[in-house]
Amino acid sequence: MSASVLVSDGEERSSLAAVRSLGRRGYRVYVCSKDGSSLAGASRFALADRSVPCALLNPSEFAAAIQTLIREWQIDVFLPMTEQSLNAVYANTGMFEGVCIPSATREQFRSVSDKNRILAVAAACGLKVPEQVVLSAPDDLSSISEAELRFPLVVKPSRSVVPKGEGQAKLGVIHCEDVEHLRRAMAKLPLTAYPLLLQQRVIGPGVGVFLLLWDGDLVATFAHRRLREKPPSGGVSVYRESIRVDQSLIDRSRRLLDSFGWRGVAMIEYKLDEASGVPVIMEINGRFWGSLQLAIDAGVDFPSLLVARALGQKVYGPALYKVGIRSRWEWGGVDYLLARLRRSDAELSLPAGGPGRIRSVLSALLPWLPGDRLEVLRLGDPRPFLRETAQYFRRSTRRRASAT
C-alpha cells in the first residue's frame, strides 16, 4: 500500500500543488484546512478535507487536531505548509512522535526565519545584502539621523510571523517615503516586530532560488523571476517565469543554507538590482512557496522528491529543467489588474522609472503567451478553480457590503 500524506493549510496554492503532485505519484493524500472546504481539498487527488483550528490564532489547538487526524487516517508523512503551521508543530513536537515531518529542526527553522540573522550570515557567504539600519526598540529611531535612513525605505520586521498572546500574528513589509510616514508605520507595529529592519529599497525584479537539501545532498534546484506581484509594489507573485541563474548564485545559496545545517526545501529570495545587475538577498522561506506549481510544471517536482527522500529513497531532481515556462495565478492576476486600474503609482508605492499604468494594464490583459500555464485551473482537475472562483466572488461581495 502507498504511503499516506497529510497536507496542511489547504487554502494555500502551494498546498494544492503538493496535493496534485503527490496524488499523481500514487500517494494517499489528505488535506486539512480552516473550514474543511479548501482549494486543495477540492482536488480530485484529495481523499478528504477536514476542518482544524487556525494555526495562527490557536496553534496548540491546531497541533492537537493534527495529532487526531494523523491517528485517524494513519498518516505516514505530514507536510506543514506555512510558517504558522510549522511554528505550531515545533511548539508541540511531543504530539508528533511516530509520524515523518520532512523539515528542518526547530532551531534551524527559527534561524532562517530571522531576516536580520540571515543577512549577517549571507554577507559572509559572499552574497550582497541591502543597506539597512536595525532598530532593536522603538526608541532607537531618535538616535538615528535622517541622512542615515536614505528614503524611500522598506520597513521589515525581523520575523514574518510573531507571537501574539496565545496565538501568532503575520506581519508584512511597509514602504515609507519620509520620517513621518516611518513614525506612523512604527506606531502600528507590536514590540514583537523588533528588531526592525529599515532597508534601502532595491529596485529590480524579484528572483527566487529554490533548493532541496537532504542529509548533505543537493537533491534539486530551480529558479524563477517574478513578472507581476500582488500588491504591485512587491508581495505575492501572480505571474512568474522559470529561468536559469548563474551557478555561482546556486553555490552561494547552498553555502548559506549549509551554514545552518539545513535539511528540506527552502526559497532564497533576491532582488536583481537594476543599476548593477547584482542579486541582493532579501530573505529565506524555509517551507514550500506560493508559486510551487511553476517548478513542477518546469520539471522539478519538489513535493514528491521531498517525500521520497523522507521515506528513504535516493532520488534526485533533473539536472536541467524547462526555462521560459510561465505560470499565471488567475484571480491573483485580476487583483493586480484592478490595483493598477484603480490606484496611481504613488498610491501603490511603485518606484519611479518603472512601467506606467497603461503599459502594465495592457500587459496584464494579454490572455496568453507561448509557455504560459494557468496555476489553479487544470482541465483534468477543475474543481479547485471553481471553488476559488466562488470564494473570490463571496469575498468581493463582503468587501462591497462592508464599504457601504
Foldseek 3Di string as FASTA:
>chain_A
DAAEEEEEALQFLLSLLLLVLVLVVPHAYAYEHQPQQHLNQLWPSHPGYYHFHDLFAALQRRLVVVLVCCVVVVHAEYEYFAPSNVVSCLVPVVSDPRHFYFFWHPVLQVQQQQQVNLQVLLVVLVFAAFDKDWDQFPVVVVVDDQVSLPDQWKKAQRGQWFDDVNGIDGDDIDTHGGDVSVVVVVVPDDSRSPRMITGHDFDAWKKKWKFADAPRDGFDIWMKTADADVQRQDDHGQKIWTDDDDVVVVVSVVVSSVVSVTHGMKMWMWGQRPVPRGTHTRGMDRRRGRVQNQCVVQFFSRSVSSVCVSVPHPHGGDPDTHGGAMEGADVRLVNNLVCLVPDACVVSVHDPPDDGSVVVNVVSPPPDDPNYDYSSDDPVTHRSVVVVVVVVVVVVVVVVVVVD
